[in-house]
Amino acid sequence: MSDLPPETVQDYPRPPRLEPVPQRLLVRLGGAVAAETVRGVRVLETHHAPTYYFPPEDVAARLSPAAGASFCEWKGRARYVDVIARDVTARRAGWCYDAPTPAFAGLAGYFAFYAARMEACFVGEERVIPQPGDFYGGWVTSNLRGRIKGARGTEGW
C-alpha cells in the first residue's frame, strides 16, 4: 500500500501543472539503476497518471537517439531515446523536451521513462505500474483514484 496521499486523476488540472516530487524516484533496467533522483518533477493532467521526469545528471543509463518525435499541445515537441543499461536496450523507452513551452520550461532536458519498458520503476518505496495503453507514460501508484486515460476507448477524452 502507498504512503502517498490519495489523489483523484479527475481533479488534476487542464491545462496540466508541473510540480516538484518530494519522493525519491528510481528506474531499474538490466539489473542496474538506470536513473535515480530526489530532484524529480511530475506533470499532472486531468485523467492521466502523473508523468515523472529526471534531471539529466541523475540518469545513469546510456541514452541513444531513437526514431520519431511527438507533439504535446501543452509541453511542445518531444524526442525519444533508447535506454541502455548493462547489456539491455529498451527501445524508444524514454523521452525529453529539449525546448518546452514557457509554462513547462522546468522540464527542459529532463527525461521521462515508460514504466512498461523498464525492469521496475518506483516512487518512494512503491513499485509503479504503467499507465494503460502504449502512448502515455504515466506511472500508476496505489494512491490514485478515478479512471485513467490510455486504455482502449479512452483515446478521445
N, C-alpha and C. Protein backbone atom coordinates (compact mmCIF):
# COMPACT_ATOMS: atom_id res chain seq x y z
N MET A 1 0.84 -1.18 0.00
CA MET A 1 0.00 0.00 0.00
C MET A 1 0.88 1.25 0.00
N SER A 2 0.36 2.30 -0.56
CA SER A 2 1.12 3.53 -0.74
C SER A 2 1.15 4.37 0.53
N ASP A 3 2.29 5.05 0.73
CA ASP A 3 2.34 6.05 1.79
C ASP A 3 2.13 7.44 1.19
N LEU A 4 1.75 7.48 -0.09
CA LEU A 4 1.44 8.74 -0.78
C LEU A 4 0.01 9.16 -0.45
N PRO A 5 -0.26 10.46 -0.38
CA PRO A 5 -1.64 10.89 -0.10
C PRO A 5 -2.57 10.54 -1.26
N PRO A 6 -3.85 10.29 -0.98
CA PRO A 6 -4.80 9.97 -2.05
C PRO A 6 -4.93 11.13 -3.04
N GLU A 7 -5.02 10.79 -4.32
CA GLU A 7 -5.24 11.77 -5.38
C GLU A 7 -6.24 11.19 -6.36
N THR A 8 -7.09 12.03 -6.91
CA THR A 8 -8.06 11.62 -7.92
C THR A 8 -7.67 12.24 -9.25
N VAL A 9 -7.48 11.40 -10.27
CA VAL A 9 -6.97 11.90 -11.55
C VAL A 9 -7.94 12.87 -12.22
N GLN A 10 -9.23 12.79 -11.94
CA GLN A 10 -10.18 13.76 -12.50
C GLN A 10 -9.99 15.14 -11.89
N ASP A 11 -9.35 15.22 -10.72
CA ASP A 11 -9.10 16.51 -10.06
C ASP A 11 -7.81 17.17 -10.55
N TYR A 12 -6.99 16.45 -11.32
CA TYR A 12 -5.78 17.07 -11.87
C TYR A 12 -6.19 18.15 -12.86
N PRO A 13 -5.36 19.17 -13.03
CA PRO A 13 -5.75 20.33 -13.84
C PRO A 13 -5.65 20.12 -15.35
N ARG A 14 -6.35 20.97 -16.06
CA ARG A 14 -6.22 21.12 -17.51
C ARG A 14 -6.32 22.60 -17.79
N PRO A 15 -5.29 23.25 -18.29
CA PRO A 15 -4.02 22.67 -18.71
C PRO A 15 -3.25 22.04 -17.55
N PRO A 16 -2.31 21.14 -17.90
CA PRO A 16 -1.55 20.43 -16.88
C PRO A 16 -0.69 21.35 -16.02
N ARG A 17 -0.22 20.78 -14.92
CA ARG A 17 0.64 21.50 -13.97
C ARG A 17 1.93 20.72 -13.77
N LEU A 18 3.03 21.45 -13.63
CA LEU A 18 4.33 20.88 -13.32
C LEU A 18 4.63 21.16 -11.86
N GLU A 19 5.08 20.12 -11.13
CA GLU A 19 5.40 20.32 -9.71
C GLU A 19 6.56 19.43 -9.29
N PRO A 20 7.29 19.87 -8.26
CA PRO A 20 8.39 19.04 -7.74
C PRO A 20 7.86 17.79 -7.06
N VAL A 21 8.69 16.77 -7.01
CA VAL A 21 8.33 15.49 -6.38
C VAL A 21 9.17 15.34 -5.12
N PRO A 22 8.53 15.22 -3.94
CA PRO A 22 9.32 15.08 -2.71
C PRO A 22 9.92 13.68 -2.52
N GLN A 23 9.38 12.66 -3.19
CA GLN A 23 9.85 11.30 -3.02
C GLN A 23 11.05 11.02 -3.93
N ARG A 24 11.80 10.01 -3.55
CA ARG A 24 12.87 9.50 -4.41
C ARG A 24 12.23 8.77 -5.58
N LEU A 25 12.76 8.97 -6.77
CA LEU A 25 12.32 8.26 -7.97
C LEU A 25 13.44 7.35 -8.41
N LEU A 26 13.09 6.14 -8.84
CA LEU A 26 14.08 5.15 -9.22
C LEU A 26 13.60 4.37 -10.43
N VAL A 27 14.51 4.15 -11.39
CA VAL A 27 14.25 3.31 -12.56
C VAL A 27 15.34 2.26 -12.63
N ARG A 28 14.95 0.99 -12.80
CA ARG A 28 15.91 -0.10 -12.93
C ARG A 28 15.75 -0.74 -14.31
N LEU A 29 16.89 -1.10 -14.90
CA LEU A 29 16.91 -1.79 -16.19
C LEU A 29 18.16 -2.65 -16.23
N GLY A 30 18.03 -3.89 -16.68
CA GLY A 30 19.18 -4.78 -16.78
C GLY A 30 19.85 -5.06 -15.46
N GLY A 31 19.09 -5.01 -14.37
CA GLY A 31 19.65 -5.24 -13.05
C GLY A 31 20.44 -4.07 -12.50
N ALA A 32 20.40 -2.94 -13.20
CA ALA A 32 21.15 -1.75 -12.79
C ALA A 32 20.22 -0.58 -12.53
N VAL A 33 20.72 0.39 -11.79
CA VAL A 33 19.99 1.65 -11.61
C VAL A 33 20.18 2.45 -12.90
N ALA A 34 19.09 2.67 -13.62
CA ALA A 34 19.13 3.45 -14.86
C ALA A 34 19.00 4.94 -14.57
N ALA A 35 18.22 5.26 -13.55
CA ALA A 35 18.03 6.66 -13.14
C ALA A 35 17.55 6.67 -11.70
N GLU A 36 18.02 7.66 -10.95
CA GLU A 36 17.60 7.81 -9.56
C GLU A 36 17.75 9.28 -9.19
N THR A 37 16.70 9.83 -8.56
CA THR A 37 16.75 11.24 -8.20
C THR A 37 15.88 11.54 -6.99
N VAL A 38 16.25 12.58 -6.29
CA VAL A 38 15.39 13.20 -5.28
C VAL A 38 15.06 14.62 -5.73
N ARG A 39 15.32 14.90 -7.02
CA ARG A 39 15.06 16.23 -7.59
C ARG A 39 14.13 16.13 -8.80
N GLY A 40 13.27 15.12 -8.80
CA GLY A 40 12.37 14.92 -9.91
C GLY A 40 11.22 15.91 -9.92
N VAL A 41 10.55 15.97 -11.06
CA VAL A 41 9.33 16.75 -11.21
C VAL A 41 8.29 15.86 -11.86
N ARG A 42 7.03 16.25 -11.71
CA ARG A 42 5.97 15.48 -12.36
C ARG A 42 4.98 16.42 -13.02
N VAL A 43 4.33 15.89 -14.04
CA VAL A 43 3.27 16.61 -14.74
C VAL A 43 1.95 15.95 -14.35
N LEU A 44 1.01 16.78 -13.91
CA LEU A 44 -0.34 16.32 -13.55
C LEU A 44 -1.31 16.86 -14.59
N GLU A 45 -2.09 15.96 -15.19
CA GLU A 45 -3.07 16.36 -16.19
C GLU A 45 -4.34 15.54 -15.99
N THR A 46 -5.49 16.17 -16.16
CA THR A 46 -6.78 15.52 -15.98
C THR A 46 -6.81 14.15 -16.66
N HIS A 47 -7.26 13.15 -15.92
CA HIS A 47 -7.43 11.76 -16.38
C HIS A 47 -6.13 11.01 -16.65
N HIS A 48 -4.98 11.58 -16.33
CA HIS A 48 -3.70 10.91 -16.56
C HIS A 48 -3.05 10.54 -15.24
N ALA A 49 -2.33 9.42 -15.26
CA ALA A 49 -1.42 9.14 -14.15
C ALA A 49 -0.28 10.15 -14.25
N PRO A 50 0.31 10.58 -13.15
CA PRO A 50 1.42 11.52 -13.22
C PRO A 50 2.57 10.97 -14.07
N THR A 51 3.21 11.87 -14.80
CA THR A 51 4.41 11.53 -15.55
C THR A 51 5.60 12.13 -14.82
N TYR A 52 6.59 11.31 -14.52
CA TYR A 52 7.73 11.72 -13.71
C TYR A 52 8.95 11.96 -14.60
N TYR A 53 9.69 13.03 -14.29
CA TYR A 53 10.85 13.44 -15.07
C TYR A 53 12.09 13.54 -14.18
N PHE A 54 13.22 13.11 -14.74
CA PHE A 54 14.51 13.06 -14.04
C PHE A 54 15.46 14.09 -14.62
N PRO A 55 16.19 14.83 -13.77
CA PRO A 55 17.24 15.69 -14.30
C PRO A 55 18.28 14.84 -15.03
N PRO A 56 18.84 15.34 -16.13
CA PRO A 56 19.77 14.52 -16.91
C PRO A 56 20.98 14.02 -16.13
N GLU A 57 21.44 14.80 -15.17
CA GLU A 57 22.61 14.37 -14.40
C GLU A 57 22.29 13.22 -13.44
N ASP A 58 21.00 12.89 -13.26
CA ASP A 58 20.61 11.78 -12.40
C ASP A 58 20.23 10.53 -13.20
N VAL A 59 20.52 10.55 -14.49
CA VAL A 59 20.29 9.39 -15.35
C VAL A 59 21.62 8.68 -15.56
N ALA A 60 21.72 7.45 -15.08
CA ALA A 60 22.96 6.68 -15.17
C ALA A 60 23.02 5.85 -16.45
N ALA A 61 21.86 5.48 -17.00
CA ALA A 61 21.83 4.67 -18.22
C ALA A 61 22.35 5.49 -19.40
N ARG A 62 22.82 4.78 -20.40
CA ARG A 62 23.19 5.45 -21.65
C ARG A 62 21.92 5.69 -22.44
N LEU A 63 21.79 6.86 -23.01
CA LEU A 63 20.62 7.22 -23.81
C LEU A 63 21.08 7.44 -25.24
N SER A 64 20.38 6.81 -26.17
CA SER A 64 20.74 6.90 -27.58
C SER A 64 19.53 7.42 -28.36
N PRO A 65 19.72 8.36 -29.26
CA PRO A 65 18.57 8.89 -30.01
C PRO A 65 17.78 7.78 -30.69
N ALA A 66 16.47 7.89 -30.64
CA ALA A 66 15.56 6.93 -31.27
C ALA A 66 14.75 7.66 -32.33
N ALA A 67 14.20 6.91 -33.24
CA ALA A 67 13.42 7.49 -34.33
C ALA A 67 12.14 8.12 -33.80
N GLY A 68 11.69 9.14 -34.49
CA GLY A 68 10.39 9.73 -34.23
C GLY A 68 10.40 10.83 -33.20
N ALA A 69 9.27 11.51 -33.17
CA ALA A 69 9.03 12.61 -32.23
C ALA A 69 7.53 12.70 -32.04
N SER A 70 7.11 13.44 -31.05
CA SER A 70 5.68 13.68 -30.85
C SER A 70 5.51 15.12 -30.41
N PHE A 71 4.27 15.59 -30.46
CA PHE A 71 3.99 16.97 -30.09
C PHE A 71 2.85 17.00 -29.08
N CYS A 72 3.08 17.70 -27.98
CA CYS A 72 2.06 17.91 -26.96
C CYS A 72 1.63 19.36 -27.03
N GLU A 73 0.34 19.59 -27.07
CA GLU A 73 -0.16 20.97 -27.16
C GLU A 73 0.26 21.81 -25.96
N TRP A 74 0.59 21.20 -24.84
CA TRP A 74 0.97 21.93 -23.63
C TRP A 74 2.48 22.06 -23.47
N LYS A 75 3.20 20.99 -23.77
CA LYS A 75 4.64 20.96 -23.49
C LYS A 75 5.52 21.21 -24.71
N GLY A 76 5.03 20.93 -25.90
CA GLY A 76 5.82 21.13 -27.11
C GLY A 76 6.28 19.82 -27.71
N ARG A 77 7.42 19.85 -28.40
CA ARG A 77 7.94 18.71 -29.15
C ARG A 77 8.84 17.85 -28.27
N ALA A 78 8.55 16.55 -28.27
CA ALA A 78 9.35 15.58 -27.52
C ALA A 78 10.19 14.75 -28.48
N ARG A 79 11.40 14.44 -28.06
CA ARG A 79 12.23 13.49 -28.80
C ARG A 79 12.34 12.22 -27.95
N TYR A 80 12.58 11.09 -28.63
CA TYR A 80 12.64 9.80 -27.96
C TYR A 80 14.05 9.26 -27.91
N VAL A 81 14.30 8.41 -26.91
CA VAL A 81 15.61 7.79 -26.74
C VAL A 81 15.46 6.31 -26.42
N ASP A 82 16.47 5.54 -26.85
CA ASP A 82 16.62 4.17 -26.37
C ASP A 82 17.38 4.26 -25.05
N VAL A 83 17.02 3.41 -24.11
CA VAL A 83 17.66 3.40 -22.79
C VAL A 83 18.49 2.12 -22.69
N ILE A 84 19.78 2.28 -22.37
CA ILE A 84 20.70 1.15 -22.37
C ILE A 84 21.37 1.05 -20.99
N ALA A 85 21.19 -0.10 -20.35
CA ALA A 85 21.81 -0.36 -19.05
C ALA A 85 22.37 -1.78 -19.08
N ARG A 86 23.65 -1.86 -18.78
CA ARG A 86 24.38 -3.13 -18.90
C ARG A 86 24.19 -3.66 -20.31
N ASP A 87 23.67 -4.88 -20.48
CA ASP A 87 23.51 -5.43 -21.83
C ASP A 87 22.06 -5.40 -22.31
N VAL A 88 21.23 -4.57 -21.67
CA VAL A 88 19.81 -4.48 -22.04
C VAL A 88 19.54 -3.14 -22.70
N THR A 89 18.85 -3.19 -23.84
CA THR A 89 18.41 -1.97 -24.52
C THR A 89 16.89 -1.95 -24.56
N ALA A 90 16.31 -0.91 -24.01
CA ALA A 90 14.86 -0.70 -24.07
C ALA A 90 14.62 0.33 -25.17
N ARG A 91 14.06 -0.12 -26.26
CA ARG A 91 13.86 0.73 -27.44
C ARG A 91 12.78 1.78 -27.20
N ARG A 92 13.12 3.01 -27.58
CA ARG A 92 12.18 4.14 -27.53
C ARG A 92 11.47 4.19 -26.18
N ALA A 93 12.23 4.00 -25.13
CA ALA A 93 11.69 3.84 -23.79
C ALA A 93 11.71 5.12 -22.96
N GLY A 94 12.30 6.17 -23.48
CA GLY A 94 12.35 7.43 -22.76
C GLY A 94 12.13 8.59 -23.71
N TRP A 95 11.85 9.75 -23.13
CA TRP A 95 11.67 10.95 -23.95
C TRP A 95 12.07 12.19 -23.18
N CYS A 96 12.23 13.27 -23.93
CA CYS A 96 12.72 14.53 -23.37
C CYS A 96 12.15 15.70 -24.18
N TYR A 97 11.89 16.79 -23.51
CA TYR A 97 11.52 18.06 -24.16
C TYR A 97 12.74 18.97 -24.05
N ASP A 98 13.45 19.15 -25.15
CA ASP A 98 14.64 19.99 -25.12
C ASP A 98 14.30 21.47 -25.02
N ALA A 99 13.21 21.87 -25.66
CA ALA A 99 12.80 23.28 -25.67
C ALA A 99 11.29 23.34 -25.44
N PRO A 100 10.84 23.04 -24.22
CA PRO A 100 9.40 23.03 -23.95
C PRO A 100 8.81 24.44 -24.00
N THR A 101 7.50 24.49 -23.98
CA THR A 101 6.80 25.76 -23.95
C THR A 101 7.17 26.50 -22.65
N PRO A 102 6.99 27.82 -22.60
CA PRO A 102 7.37 28.58 -21.39
C PRO A 102 6.73 28.05 -20.10
N ALA A 103 5.49 27.60 -20.16
CA ALA A 103 4.83 27.10 -18.95
C ALA A 103 5.50 25.84 -18.40
N PHE A 104 6.25 25.14 -19.26
CA PHE A 104 6.91 23.90 -18.85
C PHE A 104 8.43 23.99 -18.99
N ALA A 105 8.95 25.20 -18.88
CA ALA A 105 10.40 25.42 -19.00
C ALA A 105 11.18 24.56 -18.01
N GLY A 106 10.59 24.24 -16.87
CA GLY A 106 11.25 23.42 -15.87
C GLY A 106 11.52 21.99 -16.31
N LEU A 107 10.93 21.56 -17.43
CA LEU A 107 11.17 20.22 -17.97
C LEU A 107 12.35 20.16 -18.92
N ALA A 108 12.88 21.29 -19.32
CA ALA A 108 13.92 21.33 -20.35
C ALA A 108 15.07 20.39 -20.01
N GLY A 109 15.31 19.43 -20.90
CA GLY A 109 16.41 18.50 -20.73
C GLY A 109 16.15 17.34 -19.79
N TYR A 110 15.02 17.33 -19.08
CA TYR A 110 14.71 16.24 -18.17
C TYR A 110 14.18 15.05 -18.98
N PHE A 111 14.35 13.84 -18.43
CA PHE A 111 13.93 12.62 -19.11
C PHE A 111 12.83 11.90 -18.33
N ALA A 112 11.88 11.36 -19.08
CA ALA A 112 10.83 10.50 -18.54
C ALA A 112 10.99 9.12 -19.17
N PHE A 113 10.47 8.10 -18.49
CA PHE A 113 10.64 6.73 -18.93
C PHE A 113 9.30 5.99 -18.89
N TYR A 114 9.05 5.19 -19.93
CA TYR A 114 7.87 4.32 -19.94
C TYR A 114 8.10 3.19 -18.95
N ALA A 115 7.27 3.12 -17.94
CA ALA A 115 7.41 2.07 -16.92
C ALA A 115 7.30 0.68 -17.53
N ALA A 116 6.47 0.51 -18.56
CA ALA A 116 6.27 -0.80 -19.16
C ALA A 116 7.53 -1.33 -19.85
N ARG A 117 8.44 -0.45 -20.21
CA ARG A 117 9.64 -0.85 -20.93
C ARG A 117 10.87 -0.98 -20.02
N MET A 118 10.69 -0.65 -18.77
CA MET A 118 11.77 -0.75 -17.79
C MET A 118 11.59 -2.02 -16.96
N GLU A 119 12.63 -2.42 -16.27
CA GLU A 119 12.56 -3.56 -15.37
C GLU A 119 11.64 -3.24 -14.19
N ALA A 120 11.81 -2.05 -13.62
CA ALA A 120 10.99 -1.61 -12.49
C ALA A 120 11.16 -0.11 -12.32
N CYS A 121 10.08 0.55 -11.88
CA CYS A 121 10.11 1.98 -11.57
C CYS A 121 9.45 2.18 -10.22
N PHE A 122 9.97 3.14 -9.45
CA PHE A 122 9.49 3.36 -8.09
C PHE A 122 9.28 4.84 -7.81
N VAL A 123 8.22 5.12 -7.06
CA VAL A 123 8.00 6.43 -6.43
C VAL A 123 8.10 6.15 -4.94
N GLY A 124 9.13 6.69 -4.31
CA GLY A 124 9.40 6.31 -2.93
C GLY A 124 9.70 4.82 -2.91
N GLU A 125 9.05 4.08 -2.04
CA GLU A 125 9.25 2.64 -1.94
C GLU A 125 8.26 1.84 -2.77
N GLU A 126 7.33 2.53 -3.42
CA GLU A 126 6.27 1.83 -4.15
C GLU A 126 6.64 1.58 -5.60
N ARG A 127 6.53 0.33 -5.99
CA ARG A 127 6.73 -0.02 -7.41
C ARG A 127 5.49 0.40 -8.18
N VAL A 128 5.69 1.10 -9.27
CA VAL A 128 4.57 1.61 -10.06
C VAL A 128 4.15 0.59 -11.11
N ILE A 129 2.95 0.81 -11.64
CA ILE A 129 2.51 0.07 -12.82
C ILE A 129 2.33 1.11 -13.93
N PRO A 130 2.49 0.69 -15.18
CA PRO A 130 2.38 1.64 -16.29
C PRO A 130 0.96 2.16 -16.48
N GLN A 131 0.86 3.39 -16.95
CA GLN A 131 -0.43 3.93 -17.37
C GLN A 131 -0.95 3.03 -18.49
N PRO A 132 -2.26 2.76 -18.54
CA PRO A 132 -2.79 1.89 -19.60
C PRO A 132 -2.47 2.43 -21.00
N GLY A 133 -2.43 1.51 -21.96
CA GLY A 133 -2.17 1.88 -23.34
C GLY A 133 -0.69 1.91 -23.64
N ASP A 134 -0.35 2.29 -24.86
CA ASP A 134 1.06 2.29 -25.24
C ASP A 134 1.58 3.66 -25.66
N PHE A 135 0.83 4.72 -25.39
CA PHE A 135 1.30 6.05 -25.77
C PHE A 135 1.68 6.90 -24.56
N TYR A 136 0.80 6.99 -23.58
CA TYR A 136 1.06 7.84 -22.42
C TYR A 136 2.05 7.17 -21.47
N GLY A 137 2.85 7.98 -20.81
CA GLY A 137 3.91 7.43 -19.98
C GLY A 137 3.73 7.63 -18.50
N GLY A 138 2.50 7.78 -18.04
CA GLY A 138 2.28 7.98 -16.61
C GLY A 138 2.61 6.74 -15.79
N TRP A 139 2.90 7.01 -14.52
CA TRP A 139 3.19 5.95 -13.57
C TRP A 139 2.03 5.87 -12.58
N VAL A 140 1.42 4.69 -12.49
CA VAL A 140 0.26 4.48 -11.62
C VAL A 140 0.73 3.96 -10.27
N THR A 141 0.32 4.66 -9.21
CA THR A 141 0.59 4.25 -7.84
C THR A 141 -0.74 3.95 -7.16
N SER A 142 -0.69 3.22 -6.07
CA SER A 142 -1.92 2.75 -5.42
C SER A 142 -2.75 3.86 -4.78
N ASN A 143 -2.21 5.06 -4.66
CA ASN A 143 -2.97 6.16 -4.08
C ASN A 143 -3.89 6.85 -5.08
N LEU A 144 -3.76 6.50 -6.38
CA LEU A 144 -4.56 7.17 -7.41
C LEU A 144 -5.97 6.62 -7.44
N ARG A 145 -6.90 7.52 -7.61
CA ARG A 145 -8.33 7.17 -7.73
C ARG A 145 -8.83 7.73 -9.06
N GLY A 146 -9.94 7.15 -9.56
CA GLY A 146 -10.57 7.64 -10.77
C GLY A 146 -10.15 6.83 -11.99
N ARG A 147 -10.74 7.16 -13.13
CA ARG A 147 -10.47 6.44 -14.37
C ARG A 147 -9.32 7.12 -15.11
N ILE A 148 -8.27 6.36 -15.37
CA ILE A 148 -7.06 6.88 -16.00
C ILE A 148 -7.12 6.65 -17.51
N LYS A 149 -6.85 7.72 -18.26
CA LYS A 149 -6.86 7.68 -19.72
C LYS A 149 -5.73 6.78 -20.21
N GLY A 150 -5.96 6.17 -21.39
CA GLY A 150 -4.94 5.37 -22.04
C GLY A 150 -5.44 4.03 -22.54
N ALA A 151 -6.40 3.45 -21.82
CA ALA A 151 -6.94 2.15 -22.23
C ALA A 151 -7.84 2.34 -23.45
N ARG A 152 -8.08 1.25 -24.17
CA ARG A 152 -8.96 1.28 -25.34
C ARG A 152 -10.28 1.96 -24.98
N GLY A 153 -10.71 2.87 -25.84
CA GLY A 153 -11.97 3.59 -25.63
C GLY A 153 -11.81 4.92 -24.93
N THR A 154 -10.60 5.22 -24.44
CA THR A 154 -10.39 6.50 -23.72
C THR A 154 -9.56 7.49 -24.53
N GLU A 155 -9.13 7.10 -25.73
CA GLU A 155 -8.21 7.93 -26.51
C GLU A 155 -8.76 9.31 -26.82
N GLY A 156 -10.07 9.46 -26.97
CA GLY A 156 -10.67 10.72 -27.38
C GLY A 156 -11.03 11.66 -26.24
N TRP A 157 -10.71 11.29 -25.02
CA TRP A 157 -11.06 12.16 -23.89
C TRP A 157 -10.29 13.44 -23.95
